[in-house]
Amino acid sequence: MYVATITGQAFLRNQVRCMMAILFLVGNRLESPEVIDHMLDINKCPRKPQYGMASEYPLILHNTGFDNIQWNIDHRETQHILTQFQHQWTKHAICADMIKCMMDSIQHTSSVSSTGSDGGISPLMSFVMGNDTNYKQKFYKLLLKRPSADPLEDRVRHQAAKRLKLDQQPSSSDSNTTND
């Protein structure tokens, strides 16, 4: 298990999932660490290459860092929440052990390996890397050689045109008026 602590004053939608996707690619040696500096340099990389986001499942917001807020803590409720977490943890730990035993049994009775068939990526990494199927290909395509997203200006123009078109459509209440 690894923990990434990311601090900022604000985040874009899915920003952390995108950041983790790149880190997973680097960690699995599909990309070089230099790709991060390259992608952060807007002159070298003005548009984001197309890649999938990391799975949201293992990513959690743990602390908001609002130090200047006085929290009111109900200790009975805190104990109740802790008890609920302990029950959930016990249930999932038992399920995980049972599944692990089943996997070990299957591996013992056959010659199937638990290492991934996706070019050496483990099933765990396949799960946390999310919906980026590019790493599963026999010949991995480097991020900087992939097609990139449309420029921001084009996307803003497209959204503005879309809003304008919606605003110009007659509303359903306008078309339902009747003349007596």
C-alpha atoms as a PDB file:
ATOM      1  CA  MET A   1       0.000   0.000   0.000  1.00  0.00           C
ATOM      2  CA  TYR A   2       1.274   3.423  -0.888  1.00  0.00           C
ATOM      3  CA  VAL A   3       0.041   6.804   0.287  1.00  0.00           C
ATOM      4  CA  ALA A   4       0.315   9.941  -1.810  1.00  0.00           C
ATOM      5  CA  THR A   5      -0.270  13.152   0.083  1.00  0.00           C
ATOM      6  CA  ILE A   6      -1.368  15.881  -2.297  1.00  0.00           C
ATOM      7  CA  THR A   7      -1.813  19.385  -0.976  1.00  0.00           C
ATOM      8  CA  GLY A   8      -3.322  22.351  -2.760  1.00  0.00           C
ATOM      9  CA  GLN A   9      -5.729  25.222  -2.381  1.00  0.00           C
ATOM     10  CA  ALA A  10      -8.077  23.888  -5.060  1.00  0.00           C
ATOM     11  CA  PHE A  11      -8.256  20.981  -7.487  1.00  0.00           C
ATOM     12  CA  LEU A  12      -9.794  20.569 -10.909  1.00  0.00           C
ATOM     13  CA  ARG A  13     -12.363  17.857 -11.443  1.00  0.00           C
ATOM     14  CA  ASN A  14     -10.570  14.467 -11.626  1.00  0.00           C
ATOM     15  CA  GLN A  15      -7.164  16.157 -11.288  1.00  0.00           C
ATOM     16  CA  VAL A  16      -5.930  13.750  -8.603  1.00  0.00           C
ATOM     17  CA  ARG A  17      -7.088  10.709 -10.608  1.00  0.00           C
ATOM     18  CA  CYS A  18      -5.159  12.011 -13.639  1.00  0.00           C
ATOM     19  CA  MET A  19      -2.056  12.671 -11.551  1.00  0.00           C
ATOM     20  CA  MET A  20      -2.203   9.185 -10.027  1.00  0.00           C
ATOM     21  CA  ALA A  21      -2.685   7.584 -13.463  1.00  0.00           C
ATOM     22  CA  ILE A  22       0.607   9.099 -14.625  1.00  0.00           C
ATOM     23  CA  LEU A  23       2.368   8.051 -11.407  1.00  0.00           C
ATOM     24  CA  PHE A  24       1.090   4.476 -11.863  1.00  0.00           C
ATOM     25  CA  LEU A  25       2.400   4.424 -15.445  1.00  0.00           C
ATOM     26  CA  VAL A  26       5.803   5.676 -14.249  1.00  0.00           C
ATOM     27  CA  GLY A  27       5.782   3.225 -11.333  1.00  0.00           C
ATOM     28  CA  ASN A  28       5.139   0.326 -13.702  1.00  0.00           C
ATOM     29  CA  ARG A  29       8.025   1.525 -15.895  1.00  0.00           C
ATOM     30  CA  LEU A  30       5.741   2.118 -18.840  1.00  0.00           C
ATOM     31  CA  GLU A  31       6.738   5.799 -18.792  1.00  0.00           C
ATOM     32  CA  SER A  32       9.945   7.487 -17.696  1.00  0.00           C
ATOM     33  CA  PRO A  33       9.833   9.855 -14.698  1.00  0.00           C
ATOM     34  CA  GLU A  34      10.846  12.707 -17.040  1.00  0.00           C
ATOM     35  CA  VAL A  35       7.375  12.571 -18.636  1.00  0.00           C
ATOM     36  CA  ILE A  36       6.010  14.383 -15.565  1.00  0.00           C
ATOM     37  CA  ASP A  37       8.282  17.416 -15.994  1.00  0.00           C
ATOM     38  CA  HIS A  38       7.568  17.407 -19.726  1.00  0.00           C
ATOM     39  CA  MET A  39       3.794  17.365 -19.230  1.00  0.00           C
ATOM     40  CA  LEU A  40       3.975  20.138 -16.607  1.00  0.00           C
ATOM     41  CA  ASP A  41       5.805  22.424 -19.044  1.00  0.00           C
ATOM     42  CA  ILE A  42       3.026  24.142 -20.993  1.00  0.00           C
ATOM     43  CA  ASN A  43       5.463  25.197 -23.726  1.00  0.00           C
ATOM     44  CA  LYS A  44       6.583  21.618 -24.378  1.00  0.00           C
ATOM     45  CA  CYS A  45       3.186  20.035 -23.814  1.00  0.00           C
ATOM     46  CA  PRO A  46       0.383  22.576 -24.418  1.00  0.00           C
ATOM     47  CA  ARG A  47      -2.324  19.893 -24.560  1.00  0.00           C
ATOM     48  CA  LYS A  48      -2.974  16.834 -22.403  1.00  0.00           C
ATOM     49  CA  PRO A  49      -2.260  13.501 -24.089  1.00  0.00           C
ATOM     50  CA  GLN A  50      -5.191  11.104 -24.126  1.00  0.00           C
ATOM     51  CA  TYR A  51      -5.040   8.609 -21.284  1.00  0.00           C
ATOM     52  CA  GLY A  52      -7.421   7.094 -18.795  1.00  0.00           C
ATOM     53  CA  MET A  53      -7.778   8.146 -15.187  1.00  0.00           C
ATOM     54  CA  ALA A  54      -6.795   6.032 -12.214  1.00  0.00           C
ATOM     55  CA  SER A  55      -9.633   4.226 -10.493  1.00  0.00           C
ATOM     56  CA  GLU A  56     -11.422   6.315  -7.908  1.00  0.00           C
ATOM     57  CA  TYR A  57     -11.807   3.330  -5.601  1.00  0.00           C
ATOM     58  CA  PRO A  58      -8.506   3.487  -3.692  1.00  0.00           C
ATOM     59  CA  LEU A  59      -8.402   7.305  -3.654  1.00  0.00           C
ATOM     60  CA  ILE A  60      -9.935   9.028  -0.641  1.00  0.00           C
ATOM     61  CA  LEU A  61     -10.133  12.537   0.709  1.00  0.00           C
ATOM     62  CA  HIS A  62      -8.646  12.102   4.138  1.00  0.00           C
ATOM     63  CA  ASN A  63      -8.122  15.600   5.457  1.00  0.00           C
ATOM     64  CA  THR A  64      -9.242  18.971   4.235  1.00  0.00           C
ATOM     65  CA  GLY A  65      -6.589  20.890   6.170  1.00  0.00           C
ATOM     66  CA  PHE A  66      -8.965  23.520   7.501  1.00  0.00           C
ATOM     67  CA  ASP A  67      -6.894  24.302  10.580  1.00  0.00           C
ATOM     68  CA  ASN A  68      -8.808  27.434  11.570  1.00  0.00           C
ATOM     69  CA  ILE A  69     -12.106  25.610  12.167  1.00  0.00           C
ATOM     70  CA  GLN A  70     -13.220  24.537  15.661  1.00  0.00           C
ATOM     71  CA  TRP A  71     -14.838  21.113  15.191  1.00  0.00           C
ATOM     72  CA  ASN A  72     -17.539  20.003  17.644  1.00  0.00           C
ATOM     73  CA  ILE A  73     -16.962  16.319  18.324  1.00  0.00           C
ATOM     74  CA  ASP A  74     -19.594  14.056  19.857  1.00  0.00           C
ATOM     75  CA  HIS A  75     -17.537  11.291  21.459  1.00  0.00           C
ATOM     76  CA  ARG A  76     -20.468   8.817  21.552  1.00  0.00           C
ATOM     77  CA  GLU A  77     -21.004   9.290  17.818  1.00  0.00           C
ATOM     78  CA  THR A  78     -17.280   8.981  17.192  1.00  0.00           C
ATOM     79  CA  GLN A  79     -17.262   5.651  19.071  1.00  0.00           C
ATOM     80  CA  HIS A  80     -20.270   4.481  17.030  1.00  0.00           C
ATOM     81  CA  ILE A  81     -18.522   5.369  13.754  1.00  0.00           C
ATOM     82  CA  LEU A  82     -15.322   3.641  14.880  1.00  0.00           C
ATOM     83  CA  THR A  83     -17.299   0.499  15.763  1.00  0.00           C
ATOM     84  CA  GLN A  84     -18.951   0.548  12.312  1.00  0.00           C
ATOM     85  CA  PHE A  85     -15.549   0.868  10.628  1.00  0.00           C
ATOM     86  CA  GLN A  86     -14.207  -2.038  12.706  1.00  0.00           C
ATOM     87  CA  HIS A  87     -17.145  -4.221  11.608  1.00  0.00           C
ATOM     88  CA  GLN A  88     -16.624  -3.263   7.958  1.00  0.00           C
ATOM     89  CA  TRP A  89     -12.884  -3.869   8.177  1.00  0.00           C
ATOM     90  CA  THR A  90     -13.419  -7.312   9.779  1.00  0.00           C
ATOM     91  CA  LYS A  91     -15.969  -8.295   7.127  1.00  0.00           C
ATOM     92  CA  HIS A  92     -13.721  -7.222   4.248  1.00  0.00           C
ATOM     93  CA  ALA A  93     -10.601  -8.769   5.793  1.00  0.00           C
ATOM     94  CA  ILE A  94     -12.398 -12.124   6.066  1.00  0.00           C
ATOM     95  CA  CYS A  95     -13.660 -11.846   2.462  1.00  0.00           C
ATOM     96  CA  ALA A  96     -10.175 -10.926   1.245  1.00  0.00           C
ATOM     97  CA  ASP A  97      -8.633 -13.926   3.021  1.00  0.00           C
ATOM     98  CA  MET A  98     -11.279 -16.263   1.601  1.00  0.00           C
ATOM     99  CA  ILE A  99     -10.697 -14.993  -1.931  1.00  0.00           C
ATOM    100  CA  LYS A 100      -6.923 -15.271  -1.480  1.00  0.00           C
ATOM    101  CA  CYS A 101      -7.344 -18.905  -0.365  1.00  0.00           C
ATOM    102  CA  MET A 102      -9.461 -19.620  -3.464  1.00  0.00           C
ATOM    103  CA  MET A 103      -6.832 -18.015  -5.710  1.00  0.00           C
ATOM    104  CA  ASP A 104      -4.049 -20.033  -4.048  1.00  0.00           C
ATOM    105  CA  SER A 105      -6.091 -23.217  -4.503  1.00  0.00           C
ATOM    106  CA  ILE A 106      -6.625 -22.529  -8.210  1.00  0.00           C
ATOM    107  CA  GLN A 107      -2.933 -21.742  -8.707  1.00  0.00           C
ATOM    108  CA  HIS A 108      -1.928 -24.892  -6.837  1.00  0.00           C
ATOM    109  CA  THR A 109      -4.155 -27.127  -8.976  1.00  0.00           C
ATOM    110  CA  SER A 110      -3.188 -25.543 -12.302  1.00  0.00           C
ATOM    111  CA  SER A 111      -0.247 -23.825 -13.883  1.00  0.00           C
ATOM    112  CA  VAL A 112      -1.968 -20.437 -13.965  1.00  0.00           C
ATOM    113  CA  SER A 113       0.015 -17.518 -12.560  1.00  0.00           C
ATOM    114  CA  SER A 114      -1.365 -14.616 -10.539  1.00  0.00           C
ATOM    115  CA  THR A 115       0.883 -12.166 -12.352  1.00  0.00           C
ATOM    116  CA  GLY A 116      -0.958 -10.214 -14.970  1.00  0.00           C
ATOM    117  CA  SER A 117      -1.208 -11.250 -18.575  1.00  0.00           C
ATOM    118  CA  ASP A 118      -1.110  -7.540 -19.483  1.00  0.00           C
ATOM    119  CA  GLY A 119       2.600  -7.319 -20.145  1.00  0.00           C
ATOM    120  CA  GLY A 120       3.572  -8.124 -16.558  1.00  0.00           C
ATOM    121  CA  ILE A 121       1.174  -5.732 -14.830  1.00  0.00           C
ATOM    122  CA  SER A 122      -0.370  -7.326 -11.764  1.00  0.00           C
ATOM    123  CA  PRO A 123      -4.144  -7.575 -11.416  1.00  0.00           C
ATOM    124  CA  LEU A 124      -3.893  -5.126  -8.498  1.00  0.00           C
ATOM    125  CA  MET A 125      -2.152  -2.502 -10.637  1.00  0.00           C
ATOM    126  CA  SER A 126      -4.552  -3.203 -13.476  1.00  0.00           C
ATOM    127  CA  PHE A 127      -7.385  -2.373 -11.075  1.00  0.00           C
ATOM    128  CA  VAL A 128      -5.937   0.816  -9.592  1.00  0.00           C
ATOM    129  CA  MET A 129      -4.740   2.093 -12.966  1.00  0.00           C
ATOM    130  CA  GLY A 130      -8.392   2.402 -13.924  1.00  0.00           C
ATOM    131  CA  ASN A 131      -9.783   2.610 -17.419  1.00  0.00           C
ATOM    132  CA  ASP A 132      -6.574   3.269 -19.343  1.00  0.00           C
ATOM    133  CA  THR A 133      -6.530   0.254 -21.627  1.00  0.00           C
ATOM    134  CA  ASN A 134      -3.470   1.492 -23.519  1.00  0.00           C
ATOM    135  CA  TYR A 135      -1.090  -0.241 -21.089  1.00  0.00           C
ATOM    136  CA  LYS A 136      -2.726  -3.581 -21.927  1.00  0.00           C
ATOM    137  CA  GLN A 137      -1.704  -3.408 -25.543  1.00  0.00           C
ATOM    138  CA  LYS A 138       1.157  -5.618 -26.672  1.00  0.00           C
ATOM    139  CA  PHE A 139       3.057  -2.554 -27.795  1.00  0.00           C
ATOM    140  CA  TYR A 140       2.512   0.213 -25.284  1.00  0.00           C
ATOM    141  CA  LYS A 141       2.197   3.673 -26.823  1.00  0.00           C
ATOM    142  CA  LEU A 142       4.051   6.342 -24.867  1.00  0.00           C
ATOM    143  CA  LEU A 143       1.939   9.230 -23.555  1.00  0.00           C
ATOM    144  CA  LEU A 144       3.762  11.864 -25.569  1.00  0.00           C
ATOM    145  CA  LYS A 145       3.185   9.914 -28.789  1.00  0.00           C
ATOM    146  CA  ARG A 146      -0.578   9.634 -28.235  1.00  0.00           C
ATOM    147  CA  PRO A 147      -3.144  11.999 -29.714  1.00  0.00           C
ATOM    148  CA  SER A 148      -3.783  14.996 -27.479  1.00  0.00           C
ATOM    149  CA  ALA A 149      -6.949  16.706 -26.377  1.00  0.00           C
ATOM    150  CA  ASP A 150      -8.336  19.674 -28.257  1.00  0.00           C
ATOM    151  CA  PRO A 151      -6.884  23.024 -27.200  1.00  0.00           C
ATOM    152  CA  LEU A 152      -8.692  24.701 -24.305  1.00  0.00           C
ATOM    153  CA  GLU A 153      -9.828  27.562 -26.537  1.00  0.00           C
ATOM    154  CA  ASP A 154     -11.560  25.114 -28.909  1.00  0.00           C
ATOM    155  CA  ARG A 155     -13.302  23.354 -26.016  1.00  0.00           C
ATOM    156  CA  VAL A 156     -14.477  26.682 -24.545  1.00  0.00           C
ATOM    157  CA  ARG A 157     -15.787  27.796 -27.969  1.00  0.00           C
ATOM    158  CA  HIS A 158     -17.585  24.464 -28.430  1.00  0.00           C
ATOM    159  CA  GLN A 159     -19.262  24.714 -25.000  1.00  0.00           C
ATOM    160  CA  ALA A 160     -20.289  28.341 -25.635  1.00  0.00           C
ATOM    161  CA  ALA A 161     -21.864  27.373 -28.997  1.00  0.00           C
ATOM    162  CA  LYS A 162     -23.656  24.483 -27.320  1.00  0.00           C
ATOM    163  CA  ARG A 163     -25.061  26.789 -24.601  1.00  0.00           C
ATOM    164  CA  LEU A 164     -26.138  29.335 -27.214  1.00  0.00           C
ATOM    165  CA  LYS A 165     -27.955  26.650 -29.186  1.00  0.00           C
ATOM    166  CA  LEU A 166     -29.766  25.458 -26.053  1.00  0.00           C
ATOM    167  CA  ASP A 167     -30.720  29.027 -25.136  1.00  0.00           C
ATOM    168  CA  GLN A 168     -32.195  29.614 -28.625  1.00  0.00           C
ATOM    169  CA  GLN A 169     -34.455  26.540 -28.501  1.00  0.00           C
ATOM    170  CA  PRO A 170     -38.047  27.339 -27.539  1.00  0.00           C
ATOM    171  CA  SER A 171     -38.903  26.030 -24.107  1.00  0.00           C
ATOM    172  CA  SER A 172     -41.595  23.390 -23.744  1.00  0.00           C
ATOM    173  CA  SER A 173     -43.822  25.869 -21.867  1.00  0.00           C
ATOM    174  CA  ASP A 174     -43.735  28.222 -24.909  1.00  0.00           C
ATOM    175  CA  SER A 175     -44.978  25.512 -27.262  1.00  0.00           C
ATOM    176  CA  ASN A 176     -47.753  24.365 -24.896  1.00  0.00           C
ATOM    177  CA  THR A 177     -49.683  27.640 -24.928  1.00  0.00           C
ATOM    178  CA  THR A 178     -53.170  27.412 -26.356  1.00  0.00           C
ATOM    179  CA  ASN A 179     -55.434  30.044 -27.823  1.00  0.00           C
ATOM    180  CA  ASP A 180     -58.987  30.151 -26.461  1.00  0.00           C
END
